[in-house]
């Protein structure tokens, strides 16, 4: 009897491989424990470890979402910038009552930081800058004025005009020239030299009794300066760089 012929182009029928049930391997730590002590039972994770991990997670969340943001805000507020509302009309027509300003503290902060490293330099803002400062006669009050006279300069207020004398302008110049501040005369009678580390400030409102400034209470020591007004945010219609 001849053996059955197999077509070389047709593969022989294949039988499905037998399936095996998945093996459930025991926990190796438990196996090792049982090998050492046949009567011992497998241990479960300690609840105290779960509580510790939960506490660490909560603590890390508090640090990331509360402590760090608060520290950043405090640093920015005390050393970089601060927001102020204008109260009063001493800076009209430049600024008005209830204007919302951003004041840069960078220059004043750098000066204070330098003193910590033995530097004696004081922060002196530039002429024409609008600054916010503590009133020297009562530091609890905060004023806003414009820088007019710098240390070593001679300031003369006479006949309704301000004149500044310095090395660059020995014959004097009017810092208000070309501005709207000349709409009204600057009242007062002053002829003094600004001391070192001091400045002479005036409000832009030059109407009679329009501004309480260096004409009334004298020079401003630089140590009382909080910072420079750099930006007006409100009202939105007047928002912009100062």
C-alpha atoms as a PDB file:
ATOM      1  CA  UNK A   1       0.000   0.000   0.000  1.00  0.00           C
ATOM      2  CA  UNK A   2       1.436   3.367  -1.076  1.00  0.00           C
ATOM      3  CA  UNK A   3       1.928   6.149   1.439  1.00  0.00           C
ATOM      4  CA  UNK A   4      -0.294   9.260   0.907  1.00  0.00           C
ATOM      5  CA  UNK A   5       1.141  11.881  -1.382  1.00  0.00           C
ATOM      6  CA  UNK A   6       1.685  15.439  -0.137  1.00  0.00           C
ATOM      7  CA  UNK A   7       1.324  18.415  -2.425  1.00  0.00           C
ATOM      8  CA  UNK A   8       4.582  20.402  -2.014  1.00  0.00           C
ATOM      9  CA  UNK A   9       2.690  23.675  -2.651  1.00  0.00           C
ATOM     10  CA  UNK A  10       0.213  23.100   0.132  1.00  0.00           C
ATOM     11  CA  UNK A  11       1.473  23.175   3.703  1.00  0.00           C
ATOM     12  CA  UNK A  12       0.216  20.449   5.925  1.00  0.00           C
ATOM     13  CA  UNK A  13      -2.645  21.303   8.204  1.00  0.00           C
ATOM     14  CA  UNK A  14      -1.421  22.648  11.527  1.00  0.00           C
ATOM     15  CA  UNK A  15      -2.989  21.844  14.790  1.00  0.00           C
ATOM     16  CA  UNK A  16      -3.686  24.790  17.150  1.00  0.00           C
ATOM     17  CA  UNK A  17      -1.168  25.048  19.917  1.00  0.00           C
ATOM     18  CA  UNK A  18      -2.511  24.001  23.268  1.00  0.00           C
ATOM     19  CA  UNK A  19      -3.453  26.908  25.463  1.00  0.00           C
ATOM     20  CA  UNK A  20      -2.154  27.222  28.961  1.00  0.00           C
ATOM     21  CA  UNK A  21      -3.736  29.013  31.872  1.00  0.00           C
ATOM     22  CA  UNK A  22      -1.730  32.044  33.021  1.00  0.00           C
ATOM     23  CA  UNK A  23       0.463  31.375  35.964  1.00  0.00           C
ATOM     24  CA  UNK A  24      -0.050  33.449  39.084  1.00  0.00           C
ATOM     25  CA  UNK A  25       3.379  33.891  40.587  1.00  0.00           C
ATOM     26  CA  UNK A  26       3.428  34.611  44.280  1.00  0.00           C
ATOM     27  CA  UNK A  27       4.967  37.789  45.637  1.00  0.00           C
ATOM     28  CA  UNK A  28       8.709  37.074  45.799  1.00  0.00           C
ATOM     29  CA  UNK A  29       9.100  38.952  49.071  1.00  0.00           C
ATOM     30  CA  UNK A  30       6.353  36.823  50.586  1.00  0.00           C
ATOM     31  CA  UNK A  31       7.916  33.623  49.180  1.00  0.00           C
ATOM     32  CA  UNK A  32      11.264  34.543  50.689  1.00  0.00           C
ATOM     33  CA  UNK A  33       9.625  35.259  54.027  1.00  0.00           C
ATOM     34  CA  UNK A  34       7.750  31.935  53.981  1.00  0.00           C
ATOM     35  CA  UNK A  35      10.956  30.121  53.087  1.00  0.00           C
ATOM     36  CA  UNK A  36      12.592  31.502  56.189  1.00  0.00           C
ATOM     37  CA  UNK A  37       9.587  30.914  58.418  1.00  0.00           C
ATOM     38  CA  UNK A  38       6.989  28.394  57.160  1.00  0.00           C
ATOM     39  CA  UNK A  39       4.452  29.609  59.711  1.00  0.00           C
ATOM     40  CA  UNK A  40       4.751  33.323  58.741  1.00  0.00           C
ATOM     41  CA  UNK A  41       2.106  35.146  56.655  1.00  0.00           C
ATOM     42  CA  UNK A  42       2.884  37.567  53.753  1.00  0.00           C
ATOM     43  CA  UNK A  43       3.101  41.166  54.977  1.00  0.00           C
ATOM     44  CA  UNK A  44       1.105  44.085  53.543  1.00  0.00           C
ATOM     45  CA  UNK A  45       2.396  47.675  53.157  1.00  0.00           C
ATOM     46  CA  UNK A  46       2.575  49.562  56.446  1.00  0.00           C
ATOM     47  CA  UNK A  47      -0.177  52.163  56.847  1.00  0.00           C
ATOM     48  CA  UNK A  48       2.326  54.506  58.463  1.00  0.00           C
ATOM     49  CA  UNK A  49       4.274  54.632  55.173  1.00  0.00           C
ATOM     50  CA  UNK A  50       1.099  55.621  53.336  1.00  0.00           C
ATOM     51  CA  UNK A  51       0.457  58.402  55.844  1.00  0.00           C
ATOM     52  CA  UNK A  52       4.035  59.648  55.501  1.00  0.00           C
ATOM     53  CA  UNK A  53       3.834  59.757  51.705  1.00  0.00           C
ATOM     54  CA  UNK A  54       0.472  61.550  51.875  1.00  0.00           C
ATOM     55  CA  UNK A  55       1.915  64.142  54.268  1.00  0.00           C
ATOM     56  CA  UNK A  56       4.932  64.732  52.010  1.00  0.00           C
ATOM     57  CA  UNK A  57       2.656  65.205  48.988  1.00  0.00           C
ATOM     58  CA  UNK A  58       0.494  67.745  50.800  1.00  0.00           C
ATOM     59  CA  UNK A  59       3.539  69.594  52.157  1.00  0.00           C
ATOM     60  CA  UNK A  60       5.156  69.747  48.715  1.00  0.00           C
ATOM     61  CA  UNK A  61       1.924  71.079  47.231  1.00  0.00           C
ATOM     62  CA  UNK A  62       1.712  73.826  49.865  1.00  0.00           C
ATOM     63  CA  UNK A  63       5.311  74.876  49.184  1.00  0.00           C
ATOM     64  CA  UNK A  64       4.882  74.910  45.404  1.00  0.00           C
ATOM     65  CA  UNK A  65       1.466  76.571  45.223  1.00  0.00           C
ATOM     66  CA  UNK A  66       1.442  78.844  48.269  1.00  0.00           C
ATOM     67  CA  UNK A  67       4.807  79.546  49.896  1.00  0.00           C
ATOM     68  CA  UNK A  68       6.886  80.117  46.759  1.00  0.00           C
ATOM     69  CA  UNK A  69       4.315  82.410  45.036  1.00  0.00           C
ATOM     70  CA  UNK A  70       3.925  84.467  48.228  1.00  0.00           C
ATOM     71  CA  UNK A  71       7.695  84.867  48.552  1.00  0.00           C
ATOM     72  CA  UNK A  72       7.962  85.953  44.899  1.00  0.00           C
ATOM     73  CA  UNK A  73       5.158  88.495  45.322  1.00  0.00           C
ATOM     74  CA  UNK A  74       6.778  89.923  48.456  1.00  0.00           C
ATOM     75  CA  UNK A  75      10.144  90.279  46.717  1.00  0.00           C
ATOM     76  CA  UNK A  76       8.591  91.995  43.699  1.00  0.00           C
ATOM     77  CA  UNK A  77       6.450  94.256  45.889  1.00  0.00           C
ATOM     78  CA  UNK A  78       9.266  95.373  48.173  1.00  0.00           C
ATOM     79  CA  UNK A  79      12.186  95.586  45.765  1.00  0.00           C
ATOM     80  CA  UNK A  80      11.006  95.705  42.131  1.00  0.00           C
ATOM     81  CA  UNK A  81       7.692  97.511  41.676  1.00  0.00           C
ATOM     82  CA  UNK A  82       4.596  98.615  43.537  1.00  0.00           C
ATOM     83  CA  UNK A  83       1.177  99.953  42.549  1.00  0.00           C
ATOM     84  CA  UNK A  84      -0.148 103.291  43.831  1.00  0.00           C
ATOM     85  CA  UNK A  85      -3.335 105.313  43.479  1.00  0.00           C
ATOM     86  CA  UNK A  86      -2.933 109.050  43.008  1.00  0.00           C
ATOM     87  CA  UNK A  87      -4.810 111.062  45.617  1.00  0.00           C
ATOM     88  CA  UNK A  88      -5.201 114.768  44.986  1.00  0.00           C
ATOM     89  CA  UNK A  89      -4.500 117.179  42.148  1.00  0.00           C
ATOM     90  CA  UNK A  90      -0.915 118.350  42.749  1.00  0.00           C
ATOM     91  CA  UNK A  91       0.264 116.677  39.505  1.00  0.00           C
ATOM     92  CA  UNK A  92      -2.515 117.997  37.256  1.00  0.00           C
ATOM     93  CA  UNK A  93      -2.510 118.115  34.240  1.00  0.00           C
ATOM     94  CA  UNK A  94      -0.060 115.200  33.983  1.00  0.00           C
ATOM     95  CA  UNK A  95      -1.754 112.970  36.551  1.00  0.00           C
ATOM     96  CA  UNK A  96      -5.210 113.095  38.041  1.00  0.00           C
ATOM     97  CA  UNK A  97      -6.966 111.969  41.193  1.00  0.00           C
ATOM     98  CA  UNK A  98      -7.520 108.149  41.285  1.00  0.00           C
ATOM     99  CA  UNK A  99      -4.979 107.431  38.505  1.00  0.00           C
ATOM    100  CA  UNK A 100      -3.482 103.961  39.029  1.00  0.00           C
ATOM    101  CA  UNK A 101       0.305 103.877  38.648  1.00  0.00           C
ATOM    102  CA  UNK A 102       3.111 101.338  38.638  1.00  0.00           C
ATOM    103  CA  UNK A 103       6.214 102.573  40.462  1.00  0.00           C
ATOM    104  CA  UNK A 104       9.634 101.059  39.804  1.00  0.00           C
ATOM    105  CA  UNK A 105      11.733 100.454  42.917  1.00  0.00           C
ATOM    106  CA  UNK A 106      14.743  99.061  41.097  1.00  0.00           C
ATOM    107  CA  UNK A 107      16.966 102.154  41.402  1.00  0.00           C
ATOM    108  CA  UNK A 108      16.241 102.715  45.087  1.00  0.00           C
ATOM    109  CA  UNK A 109      16.641  98.985  45.845  1.00  0.00           C
ATOM    110  CA  UNK A 110      20.015  98.837  44.081  1.00  0.00           C
ATOM    111  CA  UNK A 111      21.202 101.796  46.143  1.00  0.00           C
ATOM    112  CA  UNK A 112      20.119 100.166  49.400  1.00  0.00           C
ATOM    113  CA  UNK A 113      21.713  96.884  48.359  1.00  0.00           C
ATOM    114  CA  UNK A 114      24.954  98.695  47.577  1.00  0.00           C
ATOM    115  CA  UNK A 115      25.014 100.190  51.069  1.00  0.00           C
ATOM    116  CA  UNK A 116      24.945  96.660  52.432  1.00  0.00           C
ATOM    117  CA  UNK A 117      28.217  96.025  50.584  1.00  0.00           C
ATOM    118  CA  UNK A 118      29.868  99.185  51.871  1.00  0.00           C
ATOM    119  CA  UNK A 119      29.014 101.498  48.968  1.00  0.00           C
ATOM    120  CA  UNK A 120      28.052 105.025  49.961  1.00  0.00           C
ATOM    121  CA  UNK A 121      26.174 105.925  46.771  1.00  0.00           C
ATOM    122  CA  UNK A 122      22.623 107.228  47.159  1.00  0.00           C
ATOM    123  CA  UNK A 123      19.855 106.903  44.618  1.00  0.00           C
ATOM    124  CA  UNK A 124      19.360 110.160  42.713  1.00  0.00           C
ATOM    125  CA  UNK A 125      16.631 110.031  40.038  1.00  0.00           C
ATOM    126  CA  UNK A 126      16.954 111.963  36.801  1.00  0.00           C
ATOM    127  CA  UNK A 127      15.514 115.395  36.303  1.00  0.00           C
ATOM    128  CA  UNK A 128      11.919 115.393  35.029  1.00  0.00           C
ATOM    129  CA  UNK A 129      11.189 111.961  36.471  1.00  0.00           C
ATOM    130  CA  UNK A 130       8.007 111.619  38.492  1.00  0.00           C
ATOM    131  CA  UNK A 131       8.797 110.039  41.850  1.00  0.00           C
ATOM    132  CA  UNK A 132       6.873 108.661  44.814  1.00  0.00           C
ATOM    133  CA  UNK A 133       8.376 109.274  48.253  1.00  0.00           C
ATOM    134  CA  UNK A 134       7.754 109.481  51.974  1.00  0.00           C
ATOM    135  CA  UNK A 135       7.060 113.025  53.119  1.00  0.00           C
ATOM    136  CA  UNK A 136      10.168 113.988  55.162  1.00  0.00           C
ATOM    137  CA  UNK A 137       8.146 115.779  57.862  1.00  0.00           C
ATOM    138  CA  UNK A 138       5.837 112.781  58.327  1.00  0.00           C
ATOM    139  CA  UNK A 139       7.091 109.547  56.674  1.00  0.00           C
ATOM    140  CA  UNK A 140       3.685 107.924  57.110  1.00  0.00           C
ATOM    141  CA  UNK A 141       2.444 110.161  54.269  1.00  0.00           C
ATOM    142  CA  UNK A 142       3.336 109.400  50.644  1.00  0.00           C
ATOM    143  CA  UNK A 143       3.716 112.172  48.055  1.00  0.00           C
ATOM    144  CA  UNK A 144       4.197 112.217  44.295  1.00  0.00           C
ATOM    145  CA  UNK A 145       6.125 115.056  42.589  1.00  0.00           C
ATOM    146  CA  UNK A 146       8.474 115.804  39.710  1.00  0.00           C
ATOM    147  CA  UNK A 147      12.259 116.078  40.054  1.00  0.00           C
ATOM    148  CA  UNK A 148      13.412 119.619  39.200  1.00  0.00           C
ATOM    149  CA  UNK A 149      16.741 120.284  40.955  1.00  0.00           C
ATOM    150  CA  UNK A 150      19.645 117.867  41.502  1.00  0.00           C
ATOM    151  CA  UNK A 151      22.433 117.837  44.128  1.00  0.00           C
ATOM    152  CA  UNK A 152      24.855 120.759  43.807  1.00  0.00           C
ATOM    153  CA  UNK A 153      22.563 122.808  41.555  1.00  0.00           C
ATOM    154  CA  UNK A 154      21.338 126.279  42.373  1.00  0.00           C
ATOM    155  CA  UNK A 155      17.544 126.569  42.245  1.00  0.00           C
ATOM    156  CA  UNK A 156      15.943 129.986  41.836  1.00  0.00           C
ATOM    157  CA  UNK A 157      12.190 130.571  41.909  1.00  0.00           C
ATOM    158  CA  UNK A 158      11.449 134.176  41.159  1.00  0.00           C
ATOM    159  CA  UNK A 159       8.949 136.206  39.145  1.00  0.00           C
ATOM    160  CA  UNK A 160       6.872 133.106  38.452  1.00  0.00           C
ATOM    161  CA  UNK A 161       9.739 131.180  36.828  1.00  0.00           C
ATOM    162  CA  UNK A 162      12.055 128.338  37.894  1.00  0.00           C
ATOM    163  CA  UNK A 163      15.723 128.646  36.894  1.00  0.00           C
ATOM    164  CA  UNK A 164      18.398 125.985  37.389  1.00  0.00           C
ATOM    165  CA  UNK A 165      22.116 126.853  37.459  1.00  0.00           C
ATOM    166  CA  UNK A 166      24.810 124.187  37.149  1.00  0.00           C
ATOM    167  CA  UNK A 167      28.175 123.559  35.459  1.00  0.00           C
ATOM    168  CA  UNK A 168      26.527 122.687  32.161  1.00  0.00           C
ATOM    169  CA  UNK A 169      24.315 125.771  32.228  1.00  0.00           C
ATOM    170  CA  UNK A 170      26.169 128.461  34.211  1.00  0.00           C
ATOM    171  CA  UNK A 171      23.734 131.079  32.926  1.00  0.00           C
ATOM    172  CA  UNK A 172      20.750 129.007  33.991  1.00  0.00           C
ATOM    173  CA  UNK A 173      17.847 127.331  32.194  1.00  0.00           C
ATOM    174  CA  UNK A 174      14.151 126.904  32.793  1.00  0.00           C
ATOM    175  CA  UNK A 175      13.265 123.187  33.313  1.00  0.00           C
ATOM    176  CA  UNK A 176       9.611 123.983  32.589  1.00  0.00           C
ATOM    177  CA  UNK A 177      10.319 125.467  29.160  1.00  0.00           C
ATOM    178  CA  UNK A 178       8.344 123.797  26.389  1.00  0.00           C
ATOM    179  CA  UNK A 179       5.955 122.055  28.772  1.00  0.00           C
ATOM    180  CA  UNK A 180       2.384 122.710  29.788  1.00  0.00           C
ATOM    181  CA  UNK A 181       3.670 123.601  33.242  1.00  0.00           C
ATOM    182  CA  UNK A 182       4.387 127.131  31.996  1.00  0.00           C
ATOM    183  CA  UNK A 183       0.634 127.751  31.654  1.00  0.00           C
ATOM    184  CA  UNK A 184       0.678 129.139  35.187  1.00  0.00           C
ATOM    185  CA  UNK A 185       3.464 131.012  37.003  1.00  0.00           C
ATOM    186  CA  UNK A 186       5.432 129.140  39.652  1.00  0.00           C
ATOM    187  CA  UNK A 187       4.832 131.114  42.819  1.00  0.00           C
ATOM    188  CA  UNK A 188       7.444 131.495  45.532  1.00  0.00           C
ATOM    189  CA  UNK A 189      10.780 133.133  46.234  1.00  0.00           C
ATOM    190  CA  UNK A 190      13.701 130.729  46.513  1.00  0.00           C
ATOM    191  CA  UNK A 191      17.424 130.972  45.825  1.00  0.00           C
ATOM    192  CA  UNK A 192      19.249 127.970  47.272  1.00  0.00           C
ATOM    193  CA  UNK A 193      21.771 125.263  46.385  1.00  0.00           C
ATOM    194  CA  UNK A 194      20.538 121.692  46.612  1.00  0.00           C
ATOM    195  CA  UNK A 195      22.582 119.804  49.250  1.00  0.00           C
ATOM    196  CA  UNK A 196      24.317 116.489  48.542  1.00  0.00           C
ATOM    197  CA  UNK A 197      22.018 113.457  48.495  1.00  0.00           C
ATOM    198  CA  UNK A 198      18.957 115.726  48.189  1.00  0.00           C
ATOM    199  CA  UNK A 199      16.710 116.848  45.363  1.00  0.00           C
ATOM    200  CA  UNK A 200      14.273 119.698  44.727  1.00  0.00           C
ATOM    201  CA  UNK A 201      10.762 118.592  43.712  1.00  0.00           C
ATOM    202  CA  UNK A 202       7.674 120.392  42.458  1.00  0.00           C
ATOM    203  CA  UNK A 203       4.146 119.405  41.536  1.00  0.00           C
ATOM    204  CA  UNK A 204       3.022 120.000  37.963  1.00  0.00           C
ATOM    205  CA  UNK A 205       0.016 121.956  39.229  1.00  0.00           C
ATOM    206  CA  UNK A 206       1.460 125.463  39.475  1.00  0.00           C
ATOM    207  CA  UNK A 207      -1.814 127.212  40.299  1.00  0.00           C
ATOM    208  CA  UNK A 208      -1.872 129.021  43.686  1.00  0.00           C
ATOM    209  CA  UNK A 209      -1.907 126.339  46.428  1.00  0.00           C
ATOM    210  CA  UNK A 210      -1.963 123.694  43.697  1.00  0.00           C
ATOM    211  CA  UNK A 211       0.972 121.720  45.096  1.00  0.00           C
ATOM    212  CA  UNK A 212       2.632 121.328  48.478  1.00  0.00           C
ATOM    213  CA  UNK A 213       6.289 120.725  47.570  1.00  0.00           C
ATOM    214  CA  UNK A 214       9.915 121.781  48.064  1.00  0.00           C
ATOM    215  CA  UNK A 215       8.897 125.434  47.942  1.00  0.00           C
ATOM    216  CA  UNK A 216       7.059 124.853  51.219  1.00  0.00           C
ATOM    217  CA  UNK A 217       8.961 122.159  53.133  1.00  0.00           C
ATOM    218  CA  UNK A 218      12.441 122.198  51.590  1.00  0.00           C
ATOM    219  CA  UNK A 219      14.654 119.646  49.875  1.00  0.00           C
ATOM    220  CA  UNK A 220      13.906 115.943  49.698  1.00  0.00           C
ATOM    221  CA  UNK A 221      16.579 113.563  51.094  1.00  0.00           C
ATOM    222  CA  UNK A 222      17.121 110.721  48.631  1.00  0.00           C
ATOM    223  CA  UNK A 223      16.650 108.132  51.397  1.00  0.00           C
ATOM    224  CA  UNK A 224      12.919 108.924  51.437  1.00  0.00           C
ATOM    225  CA  UNK A 225      12.412 108.018  47.778  1.00  0.00           C
ATOM    226  CA  UNK A 226      10.280 104.940  47.122  1.00  0.00           C
ATOM    227  CA  UNK A 227      10.661 104.825  43.347  1.00  0.00           C
ATOM    228  CA  UNK A 228       9.882 106.271  39.930  1.00  0.00           C
ATOM    229  CA  UNK A 229       6.396 106.303  38.423  1.00  0.00           C
ATOM    230  CA  UNK A 230       6.894 104.510  35.110  1.00  0.00           C
ATOM    231  CA  UNK A 231       3.462 103.402  33.981  1.00  0.00           C
ATOM    232  CA  UNK A 232      -0.161 104.503  34.263  1.00  0.00           C
ATOM    233  CA  UNK A 233      -2.626 101.605  34.077  1.00  0.00           C
ATOM    234  CA  UNK A 234      -5.887 103.384  34.856  1.00  0.00           C
ATOM    235  CA  UNK A 235      -7.937 104.975  33.527  1.00  0.00           C
ATOM    236  CA  UNK A 236      -7.591 102.783  30.451  1.00  0.00           C
ATOM    237  CA  UNK A 237      -8.044 105.742  28.130  1.00  0.00           C
ATOM    238  CA  UNK A 238      -4.925 107.422  29.546  1.00  0.00           C
ATOM    239  CA  UNK A 239      -2.864 104.253  30.080  1.00  0.00           C
ATOM    240  CA  UNK A 240       0.758 104.390  28.966  1.00  0.00           C
ATOM    241  CA  UNK A 241       4.377 104.995  29.898  1.00  0.00           C
ATOM    242  CA  UNK A 242       5.078 108.112  31.952  1.00  0.00           C
END
